[in-house]
C-alpha atoms as a PDB file:
ATOM      1  CA  MET A   1     114.707  -1.977 -90.458  1.00  0.00           C
ATOM      2  CA  SER A   2     117.386   0.543 -89.307  1.00  0.00           C
ATOM      3  CA  THR A   3     117.785   2.796 -86.226  1.00  0.00           C
ATOM      4  CA  GLN A   4     117.699   6.369 -86.229  1.00  0.00           C
ATOM      5  CA  GLU A   5     117.545   9.148 -83.761  1.00  0.00           C
ATOM      6  CA  ASN A   6     114.425  10.973 -83.081  1.00  0.00           C
ATOM      7  CA  LYS A   7     114.149  14.681 -82.454  1.00  0.00           C
ATOM      8  CA  ASN A   8     114.734  13.852 -79.036  1.00  0.00           C
ATOM      9  CA  GLY A   9     117.992  12.204 -79.618  1.00  0.00           C
ATOM     10  CA  LYS A  10     116.485   8.640 -78.709  1.00  0.00           C
ATOM     11  CA  ALA A  11     116.815   5.632 -81.076  1.00  0.00           C
ATOM     12  CA  ALA A  12     114.084   5.562 -83.193  1.00  0.00           C
ATOM     13  CA  ILE A  13     113.305   2.265 -85.460  1.00  0.00           C
ATOM     14  CA  ASP A  14     112.598   2.560 -89.025  1.00  0.00           C
ATOM     15  CA  THR A  15     109.602   0.709 -89.950  1.00  0.00           C
ATOM     16  CA  SER A  16     109.100   1.904 -93.375  1.00  0.00           C
ATOM     17  CA  SER A  17     110.427  -1.229 -95.167  1.00  0.00           C
ATOM     18  CA  LEU A  18     108.402  -3.329 -92.795  1.00  0.00           C
ATOM     19  CA  LYS A  19     105.532  -1.498 -93.749  1.00  0.00           C
ATOM     20  CA  LEU A  20     106.400  -1.553 -97.824  1.00  0.00           C
ATOM     21  CA  ALA A  21     106.315  -5.212 -97.336  1.00  0.00           C
ATOM     22  CA  GLN A  22     102.770  -5.446 -95.442  1.00  0.00           C
ATOM     23  CA  SER A  23     101.550  -3.178 -98.176  1.00  0.00           C
ATOM     24  CA  GLU A  24     102.932  -5.673-101.009  1.00  0.00           C
ATOM     25  CA  SER A  25     101.300  -8.741 -98.972  1.00  0.00           C
ATOM     26  CA  TYR A  26      97.963  -6.683 -98.841  1.00  0.00           C
ATOM     27  CA  ASN A  27      97.987  -5.620-102.178  1.00  0.00           C
ATOM     28  CA  GLN A  28      98.895  -8.902-103.587  1.00  0.00           C
ATOM     29  CA  LEU A  29      95.473 -10.053-102.155  1.00  0.00           C
ATOM     30  CA  ILE A  30      93.827  -7.402-103.897  1.00  0.00           C
ATOM     31  CA  LYS A  31      95.631  -9.049-107.430  1.00  0.00           C
ATOM     32  CA  ASN A  32      94.772 -12.580-106.527  1.00  0.00           C
ATOM     33  CA  ASN A  33      91.392 -11.698-106.577  1.00  0.00           C
ATOM     34  CA  ALA A  34      91.382 -10.056-109.898  1.00  0.00           C
ATOM     35  CA  ALA A  35      92.957 -12.858-111.521  1.00  0.00           C
ATOM     36  CA  TRP A  36      90.892 -15.559-110.083  1.00  0.00           C
ATOM     37  CA  VAL A  37      87.652 -13.971-111.374  1.00  0.00           C
ATOM     38  CA  GLU A  38      89.366 -13.291-114.840  1.00  0.00           C
ATOM     39  CA  ARG A  39      90.143 -17.128-114.292  1.00  0.00           C
ATOM     40  CA  LYS A  40      86.425 -17.798-113.580  1.00  0.00           C
ATOM     41  CA  LEU A  41      85.083 -15.772-115.848  1.00  0.00           C
ATOM     42  CA  SER A  42      87.065 -17.233-118.783  1.00  0.00           C
ATOM     43  CA  GLU A  43      85.894 -20.737-117.546  1.00  0.00           C
ATOM     44  CA  ASP A  44      82.584 -19.768-117.373  1.00  0.00           C
ATOM     45  CA  SER A  45      80.997 -16.369-118.471  1.00  0.00           C
ATOM     46  CA  GLU A  46      77.910 -16.482-116.215  1.00  0.00           C
ATOM     47  CA  PHE A  47      79.549 -17.910-113.101  1.00  0.00           C
ATOM     48  CA  PHE A  48      79.241 -14.732-111.136  1.00  0.00           C
ATOM     49  CA  LYS A  49      75.646 -13.830-112.595  1.00  0.00           C
ATOM     50  CA  ASN A  50      74.770 -17.494-111.379  1.00  0.00           C
ATOM     51  CA  LEU A  51      76.418 -17.317-108.004  1.00  0.00           C
ATOM     52  CA  ALA A  52      74.726 -13.990-107.106  1.00  0.00           C
ATOM     53  CA  LYS A  53      70.910 -16.008-107.977  1.00  0.00           C
ATOM     54  CA  GLY A  54      71.277 -17.182-104.255  1.00  0.00           C
ATOM     55  CA  GLN A  55      72.749 -20.768-102.626  1.00  0.00           C
ATOM     56  CA  SER A  56      71.403 -23.908-101.979  1.00  0.00           C
ATOM     57  CA  PRO A  57      74.513 -25.886-100.224  1.00  0.00           C
ATOM     58  CA  GLU A  58      74.034 -29.206 -99.147  1.00  0.00           C
ATOM     59  CA  VAL A  59      76.722 -29.509 -96.464  1.00  0.00           C
ATOM     60  CA  LEU A  60      77.434 -27.389 -93.488  1.00  0.00           C
ATOM     61  CA  TRP A  61      81.227 -27.418 -92.086  1.00  0.00           C
ATOM     62  CA  ILE A  62      82.393 -27.184 -88.834  1.00  0.00           C
ATOM     63  CA  GLY A  63      85.764 -26.964 -89.290  1.00  0.00           C
ATOM     64  CA  CYS A  64      89.079 -25.318 -87.404  1.00  0.00           C
ATOM     65  CA  SER A  65      89.665 -21.872 -88.075  1.00  0.00           C
ATOM     66  CA  ASP A  66      93.793 -23.032 -88.602  1.00  0.00           C
ATOM     67  CA  SER A  67      94.226 -21.502 -92.350  1.00  0.00           C
ATOM     68  CA  ARG A  68      95.565 -25.033 -93.245  1.00  0.00           C
ATOM     69  CA  VAL A  69      91.995 -27.003 -93.925  1.00  0.00           C
ATOM     70  CA  PRO A  70      90.002 -24.555 -95.962  1.00  0.00           C
ATOM     71  CA  ALA A  71      86.439 -26.252 -96.365  1.00  0.00           C
ATOM     72  CA  ASN A  72      86.049 -26.282-100.161  1.00  0.00           C
ATOM     73  CA  GLU A  73      89.646 -27.034-101.113  1.00  0.00           C
ATOM     74  CA  VAL A  74      89.669 -30.146 -98.924  1.00  0.00           C
ATOM     75  CA  THR A  75      86.308 -31.466-100.417  1.00  0.00           C
ATOM     76  CA  GLY A  76      87.030 -30.095-103.671  1.00  0.00           C
ATOM     77  CA  THR A  77      83.655 -28.366-103.914  1.00  0.00           C
ATOM     78  CA  LYS A  78      82.684 -24.851-105.478  1.00  0.00           C
ATOM     79  CA  PRO A  79      81.605 -21.938-104.369  1.00  0.00           C
ATOM     80  CA  GLY A  80      77.838 -22.435-103.280  1.00  0.00           C
ATOM     81  CA  GLU A  81      78.334 -26.127-102.361  1.00  0.00           C
ATOM     82  CA  VAL A  82      79.805 -25.968 -98.452  1.00  0.00           C
ATOM     83  CA  PHE A  83      78.032 -23.227 -95.992  1.00  0.00           C
ATOM     84  CA  VAL A  84      80.795 -22.672 -93.331  1.00  0.00           C
ATOM     85  CA  HIS A  85      81.546 -21.877 -89.979  1.00  0.00           C
ATOM     86  CA  ARG A  86      84.914 -22.136 -88.455  1.00  0.00           C
ATOM     87  CA  ASN A  87      86.514 -21.918 -84.841  1.00  0.00           C
ATOM     88  CA  ILE A  88      89.443 -22.909 -82.586  1.00  0.00           C
ATOM     89  CA  ALA A  89      89.463 -26.579 -82.834  1.00  0.00           C
ATOM     90  CA  ASN A  90      86.333 -27.224 -84.262  1.00  0.00           C
ATOM     91  CA  VAL A  91      84.330 -26.633 -80.684  1.00  0.00           C
ATOM     92  CA  CYS A  92      80.391 -27.071 -80.779  1.00  0.00           C
ATOM     93  CA  VAL A  93      79.099 -26.235 -76.847  1.00  0.00           C
ATOM     94  CA  HIS A  94      75.204 -25.420 -76.424  1.00  0.00           C
ATOM     95  CA  SER A  95      76.299 -21.915 -75.315  1.00  0.00           C
ATOM     96  CA  ASP A  96      78.017 -20.458 -78.395  1.00  0.00           C
ATOM     97  CA  MET A  97      74.989 -18.511 -80.171  1.00  0.00           C
ATOM     98  CA  ASN A  98      77.303 -17.884 -83.276  1.00  0.00           C
ATOM     99  CA  MET A  99      77.667 -21.570 -83.838  1.00  0.00           C
ATOM    100  CA  LEU A 100      73.747 -22.423 -82.900  1.00  0.00           C
ATOM    101  CA  SER A 101      72.670 -19.319 -85.408  1.00  0.00           C
ATOM    102  CA  VAL A 102      74.728 -20.796 -88.311  1.00  0.00           C
ATOM    103  CA  LEU A 103      73.376 -24.269 -87.768  1.00  0.00           C
ATOM    104  CA  ASP A 104      69.867 -23.334 -87.242  1.00  0.00           C
ATOM    105  CA  TYR A 105      70.257 -21.100 -90.537  1.00  0.00           C
ATOM    106  CA  ALA A 106      71.859 -24.046 -91.933  1.00  0.00           C
ATOM    107  CA  VAL A 107      69.251 -26.868 -91.392  1.00  0.00           C
ATOM    108  CA  ASN A 108      65.945 -24.516 -91.156  1.00  0.00           C
ATOM    109  CA  VAL A 109      66.307 -22.589 -94.194  1.00  0.00           C
ATOM    110  CA  LEU A 110      69.283 -24.053 -95.998  1.00  0.00           C
ATOM    111  CA  LYS A 111      67.869 -27.609 -95.241  1.00  0.00           C
ATOM    112  CA  VAL A 112      71.357 -28.967 -95.551  1.00  0.00           C
ATOM    113  CA  LYS A 113      71.617 -32.812 -95.353  1.00  0.00           C
ATOM    114  CA  HIS A 114      75.056 -33.493 -93.760  1.00  0.00           C
ATOM    115  CA  VAL A 115      76.553 -31.117 -90.762  1.00  0.00           C
ATOM    116  CA  ILE A 116      80.446 -32.031 -90.814  1.00  0.00           C
ATOM    117  CA  VAL A 117      82.502 -31.493 -87.850  1.00  0.00           C
ATOM    118  CA  ALA A 118      86.339 -31.407 -89.519  1.00  0.00           C
ATOM    119  CA  GLY A 119      89.048 -31.709 -86.860  1.00  0.00           C
ATOM    120  CA  HIS A 120      92.703 -32.045 -88.092  1.00  0.00           C
ATOM    121  CA  TYR A 121      95.695 -33.590 -86.229  1.00  0.00           C
ATOM    122  CA  GLY A 122      98.395 -31.499 -85.474  1.00  0.00           C
ATOM    123  CA  CYS A 123      95.745 -29.225 -84.252  1.00  0.00           C
ATOM    124  CA  GLY A 124      97.365 -25.872 -81.897  1.00  0.00           C
ATOM    125  CA  GLY A 125      94.611 -25.634 -80.027  1.00  0.00           C
ATOM    126  CA  VAL A 126      94.285 -29.024 -78.943  1.00  0.00           C
ATOM    127  CA  ALA A 127      98.052 -29.138 -77.844  1.00  0.00           C
ATOM    128  CA  ALA A 128      97.514 -25.835 -76.106  1.00  0.00           C
ATOM    129  CA  ALA A 129      94.299 -27.148 -73.706  1.00  0.00           C
ATOM    130  CA  MET A 130      96.825 -30.029 -73.088  1.00  0.00           C
ATOM    131  CA  SER A 131      99.348 -28.175 -71.477  1.00  0.00           C
ATOM    132  CA  HIS A 132      99.360 -26.283 -68.116  1.00  0.00           C
ATOM    133  CA  LYS A 133     100.468 -23.011 -69.693  1.00  0.00           C
ATOM    134  CA  GLN A 134      97.941 -19.679 -69.484  1.00  0.00           C
ATOM    135  CA  PHE A 135      97.297 -18.268 -73.390  1.00  0.00           C
ATOM    136  CA  GLY A 136      95.306 -15.214 -72.333  1.00  0.00           C
ATOM    137  CA  LEU A 137      91.453 -14.897 -73.308  1.00  0.00           C
ATOM    138  CA  ILE A 138      91.415 -18.192 -75.187  1.00  0.00           C
ATOM    139  CA  ASP A 139      92.086 -20.229 -72.071  1.00  0.00           C
ATOM    140  CA  ASN A 140      88.044 -20.325 -71.704  1.00  0.00           C
ATOM    141  CA  TRP A 141      87.519 -21.453 -74.962  1.00  0.00           C
ATOM    142  CA  LEU A 142      90.265 -23.942 -74.649  1.00  0.00           C
ATOM    143  CA  ARG A 143      88.673 -25.296 -71.403  1.00  0.00           C
ATOM    144  CA  HIS A 144      85.920 -27.371 -73.653  1.00  0.00           C
ATOM    145  CA  ILE A 145      88.704 -29.742 -74.917  1.00  0.00           C
ATOM    146  CA  LYS A 146      90.094 -30.080 -71.217  1.00  0.00           C
ATOM    147  CA  ASP A 147      86.609 -31.202 -70.551  1.00  0.00           C
ATOM    148  CA  VAL A 148      86.669 -33.807 -73.393  1.00  0.00           C
ATOM    149  CA  TYR A 149      90.384 -34.800 -72.005  1.00  0.00           C
ATOM    150  CA  ARG A 150      88.884 -35.137 -68.920  1.00  0.00           C
ATOM    151  CA  LEU A 151      86.173 -37.891 -70.020  1.00  0.00           C
ATOM    152  CA  HIS A 152      88.336 -39.708 -71.835  1.00  0.00           C
ATOM    153  CA  ALA A 153      91.433 -39.299 -69.286  1.00  0.00           C
ATOM    154  CA  HIS A 154      91.786 -43.276 -69.159  1.00  0.00           C
ATOM    155  CA  GLU A 155      92.625 -43.841 -72.181  1.00  0.00           C
ATOM    156  CA  LEU A 156      94.676 -40.551 -73.143  1.00  0.00           C
ATOM    157  CA  ASP A 157      97.343 -40.906 -69.818  1.00  0.00           C
ATOM    158  CA  ARG A 158      98.195 -43.966 -71.034  1.00  0.00           C
ATOM    159  CA  ILE A 159      99.411 -42.738 -74.448  1.00  0.00           C
ATOM    160  CA  THR A 160     103.233 -42.083 -73.634  1.00  0.00           C
ATOM    161  CA  ASP A 161     103.748 -40.260 -77.001  1.00  0.00           C
ATOM    162  CA  GLN A 162     103.493 -36.865 -77.340  1.00  0.00           C
ATOM    163  CA  THR A 163     102.216 -36.632 -80.664  1.00  0.00           C
ATOM    164  CA  ALA A 164     100.029 -39.067 -80.254  1.00  0.00           C
ATOM    165  CA  LYS A 165      98.056 -38.030 -77.537  1.00  0.00           C
ATOM    166  CA  VAL A 166      97.474 -34.704 -79.064  1.00  0.00           C
ATOM    167  CA  ASN A 167      96.399 -36.731 -82.254  1.00  0.00           C
ATOM    168  CA  ARG A 168      94.097 -39.080 -80.191  1.00  0.00           C
ATOM    169  CA  LEU A 169      92.267 -36.030 -78.660  1.00  0.00           C
ATOM    170  CA  VAL A 170      91.862 -34.780 -81.859  1.00  0.00           C
ATOM    171  CA  GLU A 171      89.622 -37.518 -82.803  1.00  0.00           C
ATOM    172  CA  LEU A 172      88.080 -37.868 -79.301  1.00  0.00           C
ATOM    173  CA  ASN A 173      87.127 -34.258 -79.694  1.00  0.00           C
ATOM    174  CA  VAL A 174      85.638 -34.586 -82.777  1.00  0.00           C
ATOM    175  CA  THR A 175      83.720 -37.432 -81.552  1.00  0.00           C
ATOM    176  CA  GLU A 176      82.299 -35.306 -78.296  1.00  0.00           C
ATOM    177  CA  GLN A 177      81.779 -32.091 -80.738  1.00  0.00           C
ATOM    178  CA  VAL A 178      79.492 -34.640 -83.040  1.00  0.00           C
ATOM    179  CA  TYR A 179      78.117 -35.607 -80.238  1.00  0.00           C
ATOM    180  CA  ASN A 180      77.122 -32.050 -78.691  1.00  0.00           C
ATOM    181  CA  LEU A 181      75.247 -31.028 -82.097  1.00  0.00           C
ATOM    182  CA  CYS A 182      73.105 -34.507 -81.725  1.00  0.00           C
ATOM    183  CA  LYS A 183      72.176 -32.695 -78.133  1.00  0.00           C
ATOM    184  CA  THR A 184      70.573 -29.516 -79.957  1.00  0.00           C
ATOM    185  CA  THR A 185      67.217 -28.561 -79.893  1.00  0.00           C
ATOM    186  CA  ILE A 186      68.067 -27.500 -83.816  1.00  0.00           C
ATOM    187  CA  ILE A 187      69.229 -31.288 -84.615  1.00  0.00           C
ATOM    188  CA  GLN A 188      66.636 -33.130 -82.741  1.00  0.00           C
ATOM    189  CA  ASN A 189      63.714 -30.943 -83.879  1.00  0.00           C
ATOM    190  CA  ALA A 190      64.798 -31.234 -87.794  1.00  0.00           C
ATOM    191  CA  TRP A 191      64.781 -35.296 -87.309  1.00  0.00           C
ATOM    192  CA  LYS A 192      61.671 -35.426 -86.018  1.00  0.00           C
ATOM    193  CA  ILE A 193      60.162 -33.910 -89.468  1.00  0.00           C
ATOM    194  CA  ARG A 194      63.164 -35.057 -91.653  1.00  0.00           C
ATOM    195  CA  HIS A 195      65.026 -38.491 -92.662  1.00  0.00           C
ATOM    196  CA  ASP A 196      67.802 -37.038 -95.046  1.00  0.00           C
ATOM    197  CA  LEU A 197      69.968 -35.041 -92.114  1.00  0.00           C
ATOM    198  CA  GLU A 198      73.314 -36.882 -90.722  1.00  0.00           C
ATOM    199  CA  VAL A 199      75.747 -35.134 -88.684  1.00  0.00           C
ATOM    200  CA  HIS A 200      79.478 -36.941 -89.412  1.00  0.00           C
ATOM    201  CA  GLY A 201      82.709 -36.551 -87.760  1.00  0.00           C
ATOM    202  CA  TRP A 202      86.379 -36.053 -89.626  1.00  0.00           C
ATOM    203  CA  VAL A 203      89.583 -35.472 -88.921  1.00  0.00           C
ATOM    204  CA  ILE A 204      92.146 -33.964 -91.858  1.00  0.00           C
ATOM    205  CA  ASP A 205      95.521 -35.450 -92.176  1.00  0.00           C
ATOM    206  CA  LEU A 206      97.905 -31.943 -93.150  1.00  0.00           C
ATOM    207  CA  ALA A 207     100.648 -34.548 -94.255  1.00  0.00           C
ATOM    208  CA  SER A 208      98.298 -36.409 -96.747  1.00  0.00           C
ATOM    209  CA  GLY A 209      96.016 -34.107 -97.029  1.00  0.00           C
ATOM    210  CA  LEU A 210      93.435 -37.487 -96.647  1.00  0.00           C
ATOM    211  CA  VAL A 211      89.794 -36.905 -94.260  1.00  0.00           C
ATOM    212  CA  LYS A 212      89.397 -39.777 -92.131  1.00  0.00           C
ATOM    213  CA  ASP A 213      85.369 -41.019 -91.221  1.00  0.00           C
ATOM    214  CA  LEU A 214      85.813 -41.636 -87.696  1.00  0.00           C
ATOM    215  CA  LYS A 215      82.494 -43.603 -88.706  1.00  0.00           C
ATOM    216  CA  VAL A 216      80.563 -41.640 -85.636  1.00  0.00           C
ATOM    217  CA  SER A 217      77.892 -40.373 -88.041  1.00  0.00           C
ATOM    218  CA  SER A 218      74.577 -39.868 -86.680  1.00  0.00           C
ATOM    219  CA  SER A 219      70.668 -39.825 -88.437  1.00  0.00           C
ATOM    220  CA  SER A 220      68.861 -39.910 -85.377  1.00  0.00           C
ATOM    221  CA  SER A 221      68.412 -39.407 -81.356  1.00  0.00           C
ATOM    222  CA  ASP A 222      68.480 -42.962 -80.382  1.00  0.00           C
ATOM    223  CA  ASN A 223      71.649 -43.222 -78.806  1.00  0.00           C
ATOM    224  CA  LEU A 224      71.486 -39.701 -76.926  1.00  0.00           C
ATOM    225  CA  GLY A 225      70.792 -41.320 -73.585  1.00  0.00           C
ATOM    226  CA  TYR A 226      68.133 -40.472 -71.517  1.00  0.00           C
ATOM    227  CA  MET A 227      68.341 -36.805 -70.033  1.00  0.00           C
ATOM    228  CA  TYR A 228      69.328 -35.376 -73.783  1.00  0.00           C
ATOM    229  CA  GLU A 229      65.844 -36.864 -74.961  1.00  0.00           C
ATOM    230  CA  PHE A 230      63.346 -34.187 -75.679  1.00  0.00           C
ATOM    231  CA  ASP A 231      60.751 -36.332 -76.786  1.00  0.00           C
ATOM    232  CA  VAL A 232      59.057 -36.669 -72.965  1.00  0.00           C
ATOM    233  CA  GLU A 233      57.243 -39.601 -74.121  1.00  0.00           C
ATOM    234  CA  ALA A 234      59.671 -41.852 -75.601  1.00  0.00           C
ATOM    235  CA  ALA A 235      62.135 -40.802 -73.012  1.00  0.00           C
ATOM    236  CA  THR A 236      59.678 -41.911 -70.473  1.00  0.00           C
ATOM    237  CA  THR A 237      60.001 -45.018 -71.966  1.00  0.00           C
ATOM    238  CA  ALA A 238      63.284 -45.919 -72.371  1.00  0.00           C
ATOM    239  CA  HIS A 239      64.068 -44.329 -68.826  1.00  0.00           C
END
Protein backbone atom coordinates (compact mmCIF):
# COMPACT_ATOMS: atom_id res chain seq x y z
CA MET A 1 0.00 0.00 0.00
CA SER A 2 1.13 3.57 -0.67
CA THR A 3 0.03 7.00 0.59
CA GLN A 4 -1.29 9.67 -1.79
CA GLU A 5 -3.10 12.99 -1.44
CA ASN A 6 -6.81 13.10 -2.26
CA LYS A 7 -8.62 16.05 -3.85
CA ASN A 8 -8.93 17.70 -0.45
CA GLY A 9 -5.20 17.64 0.04
CA LYS A 10 -5.39 15.02 2.78
CA ALA A 11 -3.32 11.86 2.83
CA ALA A 12 -5.14 8.83 1.44
CA ILE A 13 -4.02 5.23 1.53
CA ASP A 14 -3.81 3.42 -1.78
CA THR A 15 -5.54 0.09 -1.16
CA SER A 16 -5.35 -1.23 -4.72
CA SER A 17 -2.68 -3.82 -3.84
CA LEU A 18 -4.71 -5.02 -0.85
CA LYS A 19 -7.86 -5.36 -2.97
CA LEU A 20 -5.89 -7.28 -5.58
CA ALA A 21 -4.62 -9.71 -2.93
CA GLN A 22 -8.14 -10.17 -1.59
CA SER A 23 -9.47 -10.79 -5.09
CA GLU A 24 -6.78 -13.36 -5.78
CA SER A 25 -7.44 -15.26 -2.53
CA TYR A 26 -11.17 -15.32 -3.31
CA ASN A 27 -10.71 -16.39 -6.92
CA GLN A 28 -8.42 -19.17 -5.75
CA LEU A 29 -11.39 -20.72 -3.91
CA ILE A 30 -13.31 -20.94 -7.19
CA LYS A 31 -10.30 -22.48 -8.92
CA ASN A 32 -9.87 -24.97 -6.10
CA ASN A 33 -13.52 -25.99 -6.41
CA ALA A 34 -13.19 -26.60 -10.14
CA ALA A 35 -10.06 -28.68 -9.55
CA TRP A 36 -11.82 -30.68 -6.83
CA VAL A 37 -14.78 -31.41 -9.10
CA GLU A 38 -12.47 -32.52 -11.88
CA ARG A 39 -10.54 -34.77 -9.50
CA LYS A 40 -13.68 -36.39 -8.06
CA LEU A 41 -15.12 -37.03 -11.51
CA SER A 42 -11.88 -38.65 -12.63
CA GLU A 43 -12.22 -41.02 -9.67
CA ASP A 44 -15.95 -41.64 -10.11
CA SER A 45 -17.95 -40.20 -13.00
CA GLU A 46 -21.20 -40.71 -11.04
CA PHE A 47 -19.96 -39.15 -7.80
CA PHE A 48 -22.03 -35.97 -7.86
CA LYS A 49 -25.09 -37.64 -9.34
CA ASN A 50 -25.09 -40.08 -6.43
CA LEU A 51 -24.32 -37.34 -3.90
CA ALA A 52 -27.32 -35.33 -5.10
CA LYS A 53 -29.70 -38.21 -4.40
CA GLY A 54 -29.64 -37.61 -0.63
CA GLN A 55 -27.72 -38.23 2.56
CA SER A 56 -27.75 -40.96 5.17
CA PRO A 57 -24.96 -40.14 7.63
CA GLU A 58 -24.55 -42.22 10.77
CA VAL A 59 -22.70 -39.46 12.64
CA LEU A 60 -23.58 -36.00 13.91
CA TRP A 61 -20.45 -33.98 14.65
CA ILE A 62 -20.77 -31.02 17.01
CA GLY A 63 -17.40 -29.33 16.87
CA CYS A 64 -15.55 -26.07 17.26
CA SER A 65 -15.62 -23.45 14.50
CA ASP A 66 -11.81 -23.41 14.48
CA SER A 67 -10.59 -23.74 10.89
CA ARG A 68 -8.05 -26.42 11.86
CA VAL A 69 -10.58 -29.09 12.84
CA PRO A 70 -12.83 -29.94 9.86
CA ALA A 71 -14.93 -33.01 10.65
CA ASN A 72 -14.43 -34.91 7.39
CA GLU A 73 -10.68 -34.32 7.33
CA VAL A 74 -10.21 -35.38 10.95
CA THR A 75 -12.27 -38.58 10.56
CA GLY A 76 -11.23 -39.44 7.01
CA THR A 77 -14.85 -39.56 5.87
CA LYS A 78 -16.48 -38.63 2.57
CA PRO A 79 -19.15 -36.04 1.79
CA GLY A 80 -22.49 -37.38 2.97
CA GLU A 81 -21.08 -39.46 5.83
CA VAL A 82 -21.02 -36.84 8.64
CA PHE A 83 -23.72 -34.30 9.51
CA VAL A 84 -22.00 -31.25 11.01
CA HIS A 85 -22.77 -28.44 13.43
CA ARG A 86 -20.00 -26.13 14.62
CA ASN A 87 -19.78 -23.17 16.97
CA ILE A 88 -17.15 -21.47 19.09
CA ALA A 89 -15.80 -23.99 21.62
CA ASN A 90 -18.33 -26.72 20.69
CA VAL A 91 -20.90 -25.57 23.24
CA CYS A 92 -24.25 -27.38 23.59
CA VAL A 93 -26.82 -25.48 25.63
CA HIS A 94 -30.56 -25.94 25.95
CA SER A 95 -31.30 -22.37 24.80
CA ASP A 96 -29.48 -22.67 21.46
CA MET A 97 -32.25 -23.29 18.93
CA ASN A 98 -29.75 -23.61 16.11
CA MET A 99 -27.96 -26.53 17.76
CA LEU A 100 -31.23 -28.12 18.91
CA SER A 101 -32.68 -27.93 15.41
CA VAL A 102 -29.63 -29.66 13.98
CA LEU A 103 -29.75 -32.26 16.74
CA ASP A 104 -33.46 -32.93 16.21
CA TYR A 105 -33.07 -33.32 12.45
CA ALA A 106 -30.02 -35.55 12.81
CA VAL A 107 -31.57 -37.83 15.45
CA ASN A 108 -35.18 -37.99 14.31
CA VAL A 109 -34.95 -37.62 10.55
CA LEU A 110 -31.50 -38.79 9.54
CA LYS A 111 -31.46 -41.38 12.34
CA VAL A 112 -27.76 -40.94 13.12
CA LYS A 113 -26.28 -43.53 15.45
CA HIS A 114 -23.49 -41.44 16.94
CA VAL A 115 -23.45 -37.85 18.22
CA ILE A 116 -19.90 -36.67 18.81
CA VAL A 117 -18.92 -33.53 20.69
CA ALA A 118 -15.44 -32.73 19.42
CA GLY A 119 -13.24 -30.19 21.16
CA HIS A 120 -9.55 -29.56 20.56
CA TYR A 121 -6.54 -28.72 22.67
CA GLY A 122 -5.43 -25.11 22.53
CA CYS A 123 -9.00 -23.91 21.90
CA GLY A 124 -9.03 -20.11 21.70
CA GLY A 125 -12.60 -19.92 22.95
CA VAL A 126 -11.77 -21.88 26.08
CA ALA A 127 -8.63 -19.81 26.69
CA ALA A 128 -10.65 -16.60 26.28
CA ALA A 129 -13.25 -17.84 28.75
CA MET A 130 -10.51 -18.39 31.32
CA SER A 131 -9.33 -14.80 31.06
CA HIS A 132 -10.85 -11.75 32.73
CA LYS A 133 -10.91 -9.67 29.55
CA GLN A 134 -13.95 -8.44 27.69
CA PHE A 135 -14.05 -9.38 24.02
CA GLY A 136 -17.51 -8.09 23.08
CA LEU A 137 -20.70 -9.96 22.23
CA ILE A 138 -18.88 -13.28 22.45
CA ASP A 139 -18.50 -12.81 26.21
CA ASN A 140 -22.11 -13.91 26.61
CA TRP A 141 -21.35 -17.15 24.75
CA LEU A 142 -18.13 -17.78 26.63
CA ARG A 143 -20.07 -17.47 29.88
CA HIS A 144 -21.19 -21.08 29.36
CA ILE A 145 -17.55 -22.17 29.51
CA LYS A 146 -16.94 -20.05 32.59
CA ASP A 147 -19.79 -22.01 34.18
CA VAL A 148 -17.94 -25.22 33.37
CA TYR A 149 -14.85 -23.80 35.08
CA ARG A 150 -16.93 -22.93 38.14
CA LEU A 151 -18.18 -26.52 38.37
CA HIS A 152 -14.63 -27.86 38.30
CA ALA A 153 -12.73 -25.02 39.96
CA HIS A 154 -11.54 -27.32 42.76
CA GLU A 155 -9.49 -29.26 40.17
CA LEU A 156 -8.56 -26.48 37.74
CA ASP A 157 -7.32 -24.07 40.40
CA ARG A 158 -4.69 -26.62 41.41
CA ILE A 159 -3.14 -26.67 37.92
CA THR A 160 -0.30 -24.15 37.78
CA ASP A 161 0.75 -24.58 34.14
CA GLN A 162 -1.50 -22.38 32.02
CA THR A 163 -1.38 -24.57 28.91
CA ALA A 164 -2.23 -27.65 30.93
CA LYS A 165 -5.06 -25.77 32.63
CA VAL A 166 -6.57 -24.68 29.30
CA ASN A 167 -6.33 -28.20 27.91
CA ARG A 168 -7.94 -29.71 30.99
CA LEU A 169 -10.81 -27.23 30.71
CA VAL A 170 -11.12 -28.25 27.06
CA GLU A 171 -11.67 -31.84 28.23
CA LEU A 172 -14.08 -30.86 30.98
CA ASN A 173 -16.01 -28.62 28.61
CA VAL A 174 -16.50 -31.51 26.17
CA THR A 175 -17.64 -33.76 29.01
CA GLU A 176 -20.19 -31.21 30.20
CA GLN A 177 -21.50 -30.67 26.67
CA VAL A 178 -21.99 -34.42 26.27
CA TYR A 179 -23.96 -34.34 29.51
CA ASN A 180 -25.97 -31.36 28.24
CA LEU A 181 -26.92 -33.25 25.08
CA CYS A 182 -28.05 -36.26 27.09
CA LYS A 183 -30.33 -34.01 29.13
CA THR A 184 -32.25 -32.80 26.06
CA THR A 185 -35.72 -34.17 25.35
CA ILE A 186 -34.49 -34.96 21.84
CA ILE A 187 -31.92 -37.49 23.03
CA GLN A 188 -33.99 -38.84 25.91
CA ASN A 189 -37.07 -39.43 23.75
CA ALA A 190 -34.94 -41.14 21.12
CA TRP A 191 -33.52 -43.48 23.75
CA LYS A 192 -37.04 -44.59 24.67
CA ILE A 193 -37.54 -46.08 21.20
CA ARG A 194 -34.01 -46.69 19.97
CA HIS A 195 -31.08 -48.67 21.30
CA ASP A 196 -28.55 -47.70 18.64
CA LEU A 197 -27.93 -44.05 19.59
CA GLU A 198 -24.81 -43.04 21.48
CA VAL A 199 -23.33 -39.70 22.53
CA HIS A 200 -19.54 -39.39 22.69
CA GLY A 201 -16.89 -36.88 23.75
CA TRP A 202 -13.65 -36.38 21.82
CA VAL A 203 -10.70 -34.01 21.99
CA ILE A 204 -8.43 -33.49 18.98
CA ASP A 205 -4.72 -32.97 19.54
CA LEU A 206 -3.71 -30.49 16.82
CA ALA A 207 -0.03 -31.28 17.36
CA SER A 208 -0.52 -34.91 16.33
CA GLY A 209 -3.89 -34.92 14.56
CA LEU A 210 -5.03 -37.77 16.77
CA VAL A 211 -8.38 -37.98 18.56
CA LYS A 212 -8.62 -38.68 22.29
CA ASP A 213 -11.79 -40.48 23.30
CA LEU A 214 -12.69 -39.12 26.73
CA LYS A 215 -14.60 -42.31 27.59
CA VAL A 216 -17.78 -40.43 28.48
CA SER A 217 -20.00 -42.18 25.93
CA SER A 218 -23.64 -42.62 26.91
CA SER A 219 -26.48 -44.66 25.42
CA SER A 220 -29.16 -44.19 28.08
CA SER A 221 -30.45 -41.67 30.62
CA ASP A 222 -29.45 -43.83 33.59
CA ASN A 223 -26.73 -41.49 34.85
CA LEU A 224 -28.47 -38.15 34.33
CA GLY A 225 -29.79 -37.72 37.82
CA TYR A 226 -33.31 -37.44 39.20
CA MET A 227 -33.95 -33.81 38.24
CA TYR A 228 -33.29 -34.36 34.54
CA GLU A 229 -35.33 -37.54 34.15
CA PHE A 230 -38.44 -37.09 31.97
CA ASP A 231 -39.86 -40.53 32.74
CA VAL A 232 -41.95 -39.55 35.78
CA GLU A 233 -42.52 -43.07 37.09
CA ALA A 234 -38.88 -44.08 36.81
CA ALA A 235 -37.68 -40.78 38.26
CA THR A 236 -39.98 -41.04 41.25
CA THR A 237 -38.87 -44.59 41.93
CA ALA A 238 -35.21 -43.60 41.70
CA HIS A 239 -35.78 -40.63 43.99
